[in-house]
PDB file of all heavy atoms in Angstrom:
ATOM      1  N   ASP A   1       0.838  -1.267   0.021  1.00  0.00           N
ATOM      2  CA  ASP A   1       0.027   0.004  -0.037  1.00  0.00           C
ATOM      3  C   ASP A   1       0.848   1.315   0.015  1.00  0.00           C
ATOM      4  O   ASP A   1       0.577   2.225  -0.751  1.00  0.00           O
ATOM      5  CB  ASP A   1      -0.950   0.051   1.200  1.00  0.00           C
ATOM      6  CG  ASP A   1      -2.062  -1.039   1.111  1.00  0.00           C
ATOM      7  OD1 ASP A   1      -2.314  -1.463  -0.015  1.00  0.00           O
ATOM      8  OD2 ASP A   1      -2.567  -1.369   2.116  1.00  0.00           O
ATOM      9  N   ALA A   2       1.950   1.286   0.830  1.00  0.00           N
ATOM     10  CA  ALA A   2       2.814   2.393   0.835  1.00  0.00           C
ATOM     11  C   ALA A   2       3.587   2.575  -0.521  1.00  0.00           C
ATOM     12  O   ALA A   2       3.774   3.651  -0.957  1.00  0.00           O
ATOM     13  CB  ALA A   2       3.822   2.246   2.024  1.00  0.00           C
ATOM     14  N   VAL A   3       3.937   1.513  -1.156  1.00  0.00           N
ATOM     15  CA  VAL A   3       4.667   1.501  -2.403  1.00  0.00           C
ATOM     16  C   VAL A   3       3.686   2.059  -3.519  1.00  0.00           C
ATOM     17  O   VAL A   3       4.104   2.960  -4.286  1.00  0.00           O
ATOM     18  CB  VAL A   3       5.180   0.197  -2.832  1.00  0.00           C
ATOM     19  CG1 VAL A   3       5.663   0.232  -4.249  1.00  0.00           C
ATOM     20  CG2 VAL A   3       6.285  -0.260  -1.871  1.00  0.00           C
ATOM     21  N   LEU A   4       2.406   1.658  -3.503  1.00  0.00           N
ATOM     22  CA  LEU A   4       1.461   2.183  -4.418  1.00  0.00           C
ATOM     23  C   LEU A   4       1.209   3.700  -4.246  1.00  0.00           C
ATOM     24  O   LEU A   4       1.164   4.394  -5.182  1.00  0.00           O
ATOM     25  CB  LEU A   4       0.173   1.419  -4.258  1.00  0.00           C
ATOM     26  CG  LEU A   4       0.114  -0.021  -4.733  1.00  0.00           C
ATOM     27  CD1 LEU A   4      -1.157  -0.742  -4.437  1.00  0.00           C
ATOM     28  CD2 LEU A   4       0.485  -0.112  -6.229  1.00  0.00           C
ATOM     29  N   ALA A   5       1.275   4.164  -2.885  1.00  0.00           N
ATOM     30  CA  ALA A   5       1.066   5.508  -2.675  1.00  0.00           C
ATOM     31  C   ALA A   5       2.316   6.404  -3.107  1.00  0.00           C
ATOM     32  O   ALA A   5       2.093   7.587  -3.364  1.00  0.00           O
ATOM     33  CB  ALA A   5       0.804   5.717  -1.201  1.00  0.00           C
ATOM     34  N   ALA A   6       3.421   5.752  -3.151  1.00  0.00           N
ATOM     35  CA  ALA A   6       4.667   6.427  -3.529  1.00  0.00           C
ATOM     36  C   ALA A   6       5.045   6.118  -5.007  1.00  0.00           C
ATOM     37  O   ALA A   6       6.230   6.302  -5.380  1.00  0.00           O
ATOM     38  CB  ALA A   6       5.821   6.026  -2.588  1.00  0.00           C
ATOM     39  N   SER A   7       4.083   5.756  -5.802  1.00  0.00           N
ATOM     40  CA  SER A   7       4.367   5.497  -7.173  1.00  0.00           C
ATOM     41  C   SER A   7       3.087   5.818  -8.055  1.00  0.00           C
ATOM     42  O   SER A   7       2.039   6.173  -7.538  1.00  0.00           O
ATOM     43  CB  SER A   7       4.681   4.019  -7.357  1.00  0.00           C
ATOM     44  OG  SER A   7       3.550   3.213  -6.983  1.00  0.00           O
ATOM     45  N   ARG A   8       3.200   5.756  -9.329  1.00  0.00           N
ATOM     46  CA  ARG A   8       2.121   5.944 -10.257  1.00  0.00           C
ATOM     47  C   ARG A   8       2.172   5.032 -11.417  1.00  0.00           C
ATOM     48  O   ARG A   8       3.233   4.467 -11.723  1.00  0.00           O
ATOM     49  CB  ARG A   8       2.052   7.370 -10.724  1.00  0.00           C
ATOM     50  CG  ARG A   8       3.264   7.881 -11.427  1.00  0.00           C
ATOM     51  CD  ARG A   8       3.110   9.399 -11.859  1.00  0.00           C
ATOM     52  NE  ARG A   8       4.136   9.829 -12.674  1.00  0.00           N
ATOM     53  CZ  ARG A   8       5.349  10.247 -12.282  1.00  0.00           C
ATOM     54  NH1 ARG A   8       5.669  10.249 -10.954  1.00  0.00           N
ATOM     55  NH2 ARG A   8       6.274  10.667 -13.072  1.00  0.00           N
ATOM     56  N   ALA A   9       1.067   4.767 -12.014  1.00  0.00           N
ATOM     57  CA  ALA A   9       0.974   3.833 -13.170  1.00  0.00           C
ATOM     58  C   ALA A   9       1.567   4.557 -14.400  1.00  0.00           C
ATOM     59  O   ALA A   9       1.286   5.690 -14.684  1.00  0.00           O
ATOM     60  CB  ALA A   9      -0.447   3.467 -13.457  1.00  0.00           C
ATOM     61  N   LEU A  10       2.438   3.753 -15.127  1.00  0.00           N
ATOM     62  CA  LEU A  10       2.952   4.230 -16.401  1.00  0.00           C
ATOM     63  C   LEU A  10       1.966   3.993 -17.531  1.00  0.00           C
ATOM     64  O   LEU A  10       1.892   4.784 -18.466  1.00  0.00           O
ATOM     65  CB  LEU A  10       4.315   3.538 -16.717  1.00  0.00           C
ATOM     66  CG  LEU A  10       5.439   3.976 -15.877  1.00  0.00           C
ATOM     67  CD1 LEU A  10       6.644   3.046 -16.103  1.00  0.00           C
ATOM     68  CD2 LEU A  10       5.826   5.451 -16.183  1.00  0.00           C
ATOM     69  N   ILE A  11       1.262   2.855 -17.437  1.00  0.00           N
ATOM     70  CA  ILE A  11       0.242   2.489 -18.463  1.00  0.00           C
ATOM     71  C   ILE A  11      -0.865   1.926 -17.624  1.00  0.00           C
ATOM     72  O   ILE A  11      -0.822   1.763 -16.462  1.00  0.00           O
ATOM     73  CB  ILE A  11       0.806   1.494 -19.506  1.00  0.00           C
ATOM     74  CG1 ILE A  11       1.187   0.197 -18.781  1.00  0.00           C
ATOM     75  CG2 ILE A  11       1.926   2.067 -20.326  1.00  0.00           C
ATOM     76  CD1 ILE A  11       1.510  -0.955 -19.776  1.00  0.00           C
ATOM     77  N   LEU A  12      -1.973   1.511 -18.337  1.00  0.00           N
ATOM     78  CA  LEU A  12      -3.052   0.779 -17.695  1.00  0.00           C
ATOM     79  C   LEU A  12      -2.458  -0.485 -17.079  1.00  0.00           C
ATOM     80  O   LEU A  12      -1.802  -1.244 -17.818  1.00  0.00           O
ATOM     81  CB  LEU A  12      -4.190   0.496 -18.593  1.00  0.00           C
ATOM     82  CG  LEU A  12      -5.003   1.710 -19.087  1.00  0.00           C
ATOM     83  CD1 LEU A  12      -6.021   1.316 -20.132  1.00  0.00           C
ATOM     84  CD2 LEU A  12      -5.707   2.398 -17.868  1.00  0.00           C
ATOM     85  N   ASP A  13      -2.723  -0.740 -15.856  1.00  0.00           N
ATOM     86  CA  ASP A  13      -2.126  -1.884 -15.087  1.00  0.00           C
ATOM     87  C   ASP A  13      -2.698  -3.204 -15.699  1.00  0.00           C
ATOM     88  O   ASP A  13      -3.897  -3.435 -15.551  1.00  0.00           O
ATOM     89  CB  ASP A  13      -2.359  -1.780 -13.635  1.00  0.00           C
ATOM     90  CG  ASP A  13      -1.712  -2.896 -12.837  1.00  0.00           C
ATOM     91  OD1 ASP A  13      -1.161  -3.778 -13.464  1.00  0.00           O
ATOM     92  OD2 ASP A  13      -1.694  -2.729 -11.600  1.00  0.00           O
ATOM     93  N   PRO A  14      -1.935  -3.998 -16.347  1.00  0.00           N
ATOM     94  CA  PRO A  14      -2.374  -5.284 -16.897  1.00  0.00           C
ATOM     95  C   PRO A  14      -2.806  -6.354 -15.835  1.00  0.00           C
ATOM     96  O   PRO A  14      -3.550  -7.245 -16.177  1.00  0.00           O
ATOM     97  CB  PRO A  14      -1.239  -5.817 -17.716  1.00  0.00           C
ATOM     98  CG  PRO A  14      -0.008  -5.069 -17.228  1.00  0.00           C
ATOM     99  CD  PRO A  14      -0.478  -3.785 -16.657  1.00  0.00           C
ATOM    100  N   LEU A  15      -2.462  -6.083 -14.592  1.00  0.00           N
ATOM    101  CA  LEU A  15      -2.836  -7.023 -13.514  1.00  0.00           C
ATOM    102  C   LEU A  15      -4.074  -6.543 -12.753  1.00  0.00           C
ATOM    103  O   LEU A  15      -4.603  -7.285 -11.894  1.00  0.00           O
ATOM    104  CB  LEU A  15      -1.677  -7.281 -12.569  1.00  0.00           C
ATOM    105  CG  LEU A  15      -0.456  -7.964 -13.192  1.00  0.00           C
ATOM    106  CD1 LEU A  15       0.642  -8.081 -12.109  1.00  0.00           C
ATOM    107  CD2 LEU A  15      -0.832  -9.324 -13.830  1.00  0.00           C
ATOM    108  N   ALA A  16      -4.510  -5.349 -12.973  1.00  0.00           N
ATOM    109  CA  ALA A  16      -5.676  -4.767 -12.258  1.00  0.00           C
ATOM    110  C   ALA A  16      -6.928  -5.640 -12.538  1.00  0.00           C
ATOM    111  O   ALA A  16      -7.177  -6.026 -13.661  1.00  0.00           O
ATOM    112  CB  ALA A  16      -5.874  -3.311 -12.727  1.00  0.00           C
ATOM    113  N   GLY A  17      -7.714  -5.785 -11.456  1.00  0.00           N
ATOM    114  CA  GLY A  17      -8.960  -6.426 -11.562  1.00  0.00           C
ATOM    115  C   GLY A  17      -8.965  -7.977 -11.452  1.00  0.00           C
ATOM    116  O   GLY A  17     -10.034  -8.591 -11.496  1.00  0.00           O
ATOM    117  N   HIS A  18      -7.738  -8.558 -11.474  1.00  0.00           N
ATOM    118  CA  HIS A  18      -7.724  -9.990 -11.277  1.00  0.00           C
ATOM    119  C   HIS A  18      -7.744 -10.387  -9.777  1.00  0.00           C
ATOM    120  O   HIS A  18      -7.305  -9.684  -8.947  1.00  0.00           O
ATOM    121  CB  HIS A  18      -6.359 -10.454 -11.845  1.00  0.00           C
ATOM    122  CG  HIS A  18      -6.244 -10.347 -13.357  1.00  0.00           C
ATOM    123  ND1 HIS A  18      -6.837 -11.151 -14.289  1.00  0.00           N
ATOM    124  CD2 HIS A  18      -5.665  -9.344 -14.114  1.00  0.00           C
ATOM    125  CE1 HIS A  18      -6.635 -10.755 -15.443  1.00  0.00           C
ATOM    126  NE2 HIS A  18      -5.928  -9.694 -15.386  1.00  0.00           N
ATOM    127  N   ALA A  19      -8.422 -11.497  -9.611  1.00  0.00           N
ATOM    128  CA  ALA A  19      -8.556 -11.961  -8.217  1.00  0.00           C
ATOM    129  C   ALA A  19      -7.156 -12.295  -7.629  1.00  0.00           C
ATOM    130  O   ALA A  19      -6.235 -12.758  -8.292  1.00  0.00           O
ATOM    131  CB  ALA A  19      -9.359 -13.273  -8.193  1.00  0.00           C
ATOM    132  N   PRO A  20      -7.014 -11.922  -6.320  1.00  0.00           N
ATOM    133  CA  PRO A  20      -5.713 -12.201  -5.687  1.00  0.00           C
ATOM    134  C   PRO A  20      -5.168 -13.596  -5.772  1.00  0.00           C
ATOM    135  O   PRO A  20      -4.014 -13.868  -5.886  1.00  0.00           O
ATOM    136  CB  PRO A  20      -6.030 -11.817  -4.197  1.00  0.00           C
ATOM    137  CG  PRO A  20      -7.043 -10.802  -4.280  1.00  0.00           C
ATOM    138  CD  PRO A  20      -7.965 -11.254  -5.413  1.00  0.00           C
ATOM    139  N   ALA A  21      -6.155 -14.577  -5.782  1.00  0.00           N
ATOM    140  CA  ALA A  21      -5.739 -15.967  -5.918  1.00  0.00           C
ATOM    141  C   ALA A  21      -5.032 -16.286  -7.275  1.00  0.00           C
ATOM    142  O   ALA A  21      -4.309 -17.225  -7.352  1.00  0.00           O
ATOM    143  CB  ALA A  21      -6.931 -16.924  -5.742  1.00  0.00           C
ATOM    144  N   ARG A  22      -5.352 -15.421  -8.271  1.00  0.00           N
ATOM    145  CA  ARG A  22      -4.789 -15.624  -9.639  1.00  0.00           C
ATOM    146  C   ARG A  22      -3.444 -14.877  -9.762  1.00  0.00           C
ATOM    147  O   ARG A  22      -2.832 -14.961 -10.852  1.00  0.00           O
ATOM    148  CB  ARG A  22      -5.785 -15.236 -10.713  1.00  0.00           C
ATOM    149  CG  ARG A  22      -7.044 -15.905 -10.664  1.00  0.00           C
ATOM    150  CD  ARG A  22      -7.084 -17.296 -11.342  1.00  0.00           C
ATOM    151  NE  ARG A  22      -6.635 -17.088 -12.765  1.00  0.00           N
ATOM    152  CZ  ARG A  22      -6.106 -18.035 -13.478  1.00  0.00           C
ATOM    153  NH1 ARG A  22      -5.733 -19.188 -12.954  1.00  0.00           N
ATOM    154  NH2 ARG A  22      -5.722 -17.826 -14.747  1.00  0.00           N
ATOM    155  N   THR A  23      -3.100 -14.008  -8.850  1.00  0.00           N
ATOM    156  CA  THR A  23      -2.009 -13.232  -8.938  1.00  0.00           C
ATOM    157  C   THR A  23      -0.900 -13.470  -7.853  1.00  0.00           C
ATOM    158  O   THR A  23      -0.298 -12.535  -7.378  1.00  0.00           O
ATOM    159  CB  THR A  23      -2.272 -11.714  -9.015  1.00  0.00           C
ATOM    160  OG1 THR A  23      -3.021 -11.391  -7.803  1.00  0.00           O
ATOM    161  CG2 THR A  23      -3.134 -11.360 -10.232  1.00  0.00           C
ATOM    162  N   GLN A  24      -0.773 -14.744  -7.494  1.00  0.00           N
ATOM    163  CA  GLN A  24       0.273 -15.093  -6.444  1.00  0.00           C
ATOM    164  C   GLN A  24       1.589 -15.338  -7.209  1.00  0.00           C
ATOM    165  O   GLN A  24       1.705 -16.030  -8.184  1.00  0.00           O
ATOM    166  CB  GLN A  24      -0.178 -16.371  -5.836  1.00  0.00           C
ATOM    167  CG  GLN A  24      -1.276 -16.198  -4.752  1.00  0.00           C
ATOM    168  CD  GLN A  24      -0.897 -15.329  -3.655  1.00  0.00           C
ATOM    169  OE1 GLN A  24       0.122 -15.544  -2.982  1.00  0.00           O
ATOM    170  NE2 GLN A  24      -1.712 -14.325  -3.398  1.00  0.00           N
ATOM    171  N   ILE A  25       2.658 -14.759  -6.588  1.00  0.00           N
ATOM    172  CA  ILE A  25       3.983 -14.767  -7.244  1.00  0.00           C
ATOM    173  C   ILE A  25       4.478 -16.221  -7.438  1.00  0.00           C
ATOM    174  O   ILE A  25       5.235 -16.477  -8.329  1.00  0.00           O
ATOM    175  CB  ILE A  25       5.057 -14.013  -6.292  1.00  0.00           C
ATOM    176  CG1 ILE A  25       6.406 -13.881  -6.997  1.00  0.00           C
ATOM    177  CG2 ILE A  25       5.149 -14.655  -4.973  1.00  0.00           C
ATOM    178  CD1 ILE A  25       6.386 -13.017  -8.219  1.00  0.00           C
ATOM    179  N   ALA A  26       4.044 -17.197  -6.637  1.00  0.00           N
ATOM    180  CA  ALA A  26       4.442 -18.579  -6.741  1.00  0.00           C
ATOM    181  C   ALA A  26       3.710 -19.342  -7.850  1.00  0.00           C
ATOM    182  O   ALA A  26       4.072 -20.495  -8.193  1.00  0.00           O
ATOM    183  CB  ALA A  26       4.312 -19.298  -5.436  1.00  0.00           C
ATOM    184  N   ASP A  27       2.615 -18.744  -8.422  1.00  0.00           N
ATOM    185  CA  ASP A  27       1.754 -19.405  -9.392  1.00  0.00           C
ATOM    186  C   ASP A  27       2.588 -19.446 -10.690  1.00  0.00           C
ATOM    187  O   ASP A  27       2.926 -18.452 -11.290  1.00  0.00           O
ATOM    188  CB  ASP A  27       0.502 -18.649  -9.551  1.00  0.00           C
ATOM    189  CG  ASP A  27      -0.460 -19.310 -10.560  1.00  0.00           C
ATOM    190  OD1 ASP A  27      -0.061 -20.182 -11.322  1.00  0.00           O
ATOM    191  OD2 ASP A  27      -1.646 -18.851 -10.621  1.00  0.00           O
ATOM    192  N   PRO A  28       2.849 -20.663 -11.176  1.00  0.00           N
ATOM    193  CA  PRO A  28       3.572 -20.837 -12.489  1.00  0.00           C
ATOM    194  C   PRO A  28       2.925 -20.091 -13.653  1.00  0.00           C
ATOM    195  O   PRO A  28       3.667 -19.630 -14.535  1.00  0.00           O
ATOM    196  CB  PRO A  28       3.666 -22.307 -12.749  1.00  0.00           C
ATOM    197  CG  PRO A  28       3.290 -23.014 -11.402  1.00  0.00           C
ATOM    198  CD  PRO A  28       2.493 -22.042 -10.658  1.00  0.00           C
ATOM    199  N   ASP A  29       1.626 -20.145 -13.696  1.00  0.00           N
ATOM    200  CA  ASP A  29       0.917 -19.453 -14.829  1.00  0.00           C
ATOM    201  C   ASP A  29       1.187 -17.911 -14.773  1.00  0.00           C
ATOM    202  O   ASP A  29       1.385 -17.281 -15.811  1.00  0.00           O
ATOM    203  CB  ASP A  29      -0.586 -19.700 -14.748  1.00  0.00           C
ATOM    204  CG  ASP A  29      -0.903 -21.164 -15.031  1.00  0.00           C
ATOM    205  OD1 ASP A  29      -0.106 -21.827 -15.687  1.00  0.00           O
ATOM    206  OD2 ASP A  29      -1.955 -21.634 -14.533  1.00  0.00           O
ATOM    207  N   LEU A  30       1.216 -17.329 -13.590  1.00  0.00           N
ATOM    208  CA  LEU A  30       1.437 -15.902 -13.486  1.00  0.00           C
ATOM    209  C   LEU A  30       2.949 -15.605 -13.759  1.00  0.00           C
ATOM    210  O   LEU A  30       3.189 -14.550 -14.395  1.00  0.00           O
ATOM    211  CB  LEU A  30       1.137 -15.349 -12.120  1.00  0.00           C
ATOM    212  CG  LEU A  30       1.367 -13.900 -11.823  1.00  0.00           C
ATOM    213  CD1 LEU A  30       0.411 -13.017 -12.669  1.00  0.00           C
ATOM    214  CD2 LEU A  30       1.265 -13.548 -10.425  1.00  0.00           C
ATOM    215  N   ARG A  31       3.787 -16.472 -13.413  1.00  0.00           N
ATOM    216  CA  ARG A  31       5.251 -16.214 -13.649  1.00  0.00           C
ATOM    217  C   ARG A  31       5.523 -16.002 -15.142  1.00  0.00           C
ATOM    218  O   ARG A  31       6.303 -15.106 -15.504  1.00  0.00           O
ATOM    219  CB  ARG A  31       6.071 -17.285 -13.032  1.00  0.00           C
ATOM    220  CG  ARG A  31       6.022 -17.300 -11.503  1.00  0.00           C
ATOM    221  CD  ARG A  31       6.623 -18.497 -10.893  1.00  0.00           C
ATOM    222  NE  ARG A  31       8.073 -18.546 -10.965  1.00  0.00           N
ATOM    223  CZ  ARG A  31       8.893 -17.984 -10.049  1.00  0.00           C
ATOM    224  NH1 ARG A  31       8.301 -17.456  -8.981  1.00  0.00           N
ATOM    225  NH2 ARG A  31      10.097 -18.043 -10.156  1.00  0.00           N
ATOM    226  N   GLY A  32       4.939 -16.796 -15.979  1.00  0.00           N
ATOM    227  CA  GLY A  32       5.097 -16.555 -17.436  1.00  0.00           C
ATOM    228  C   GLY A  32       4.593 -15.262 -17.863  1.00  0.00           C
ATOM    229  O   GLY A  32       5.297 -14.559 -18.749  1.00  0.00           O
TER     230      GLY A  32
END
C-alpha cells in the first residue's frame, strides 16, 4: 500500500482487476 502511494501507473495496469488468488507470485501461470 505504501509503495502504491509512492508510485504511479505508467500505463493501464495489466494485472488490475484480477482475483488475488490468480496473482500469486508462486503461481507458475502468473510467472510466465
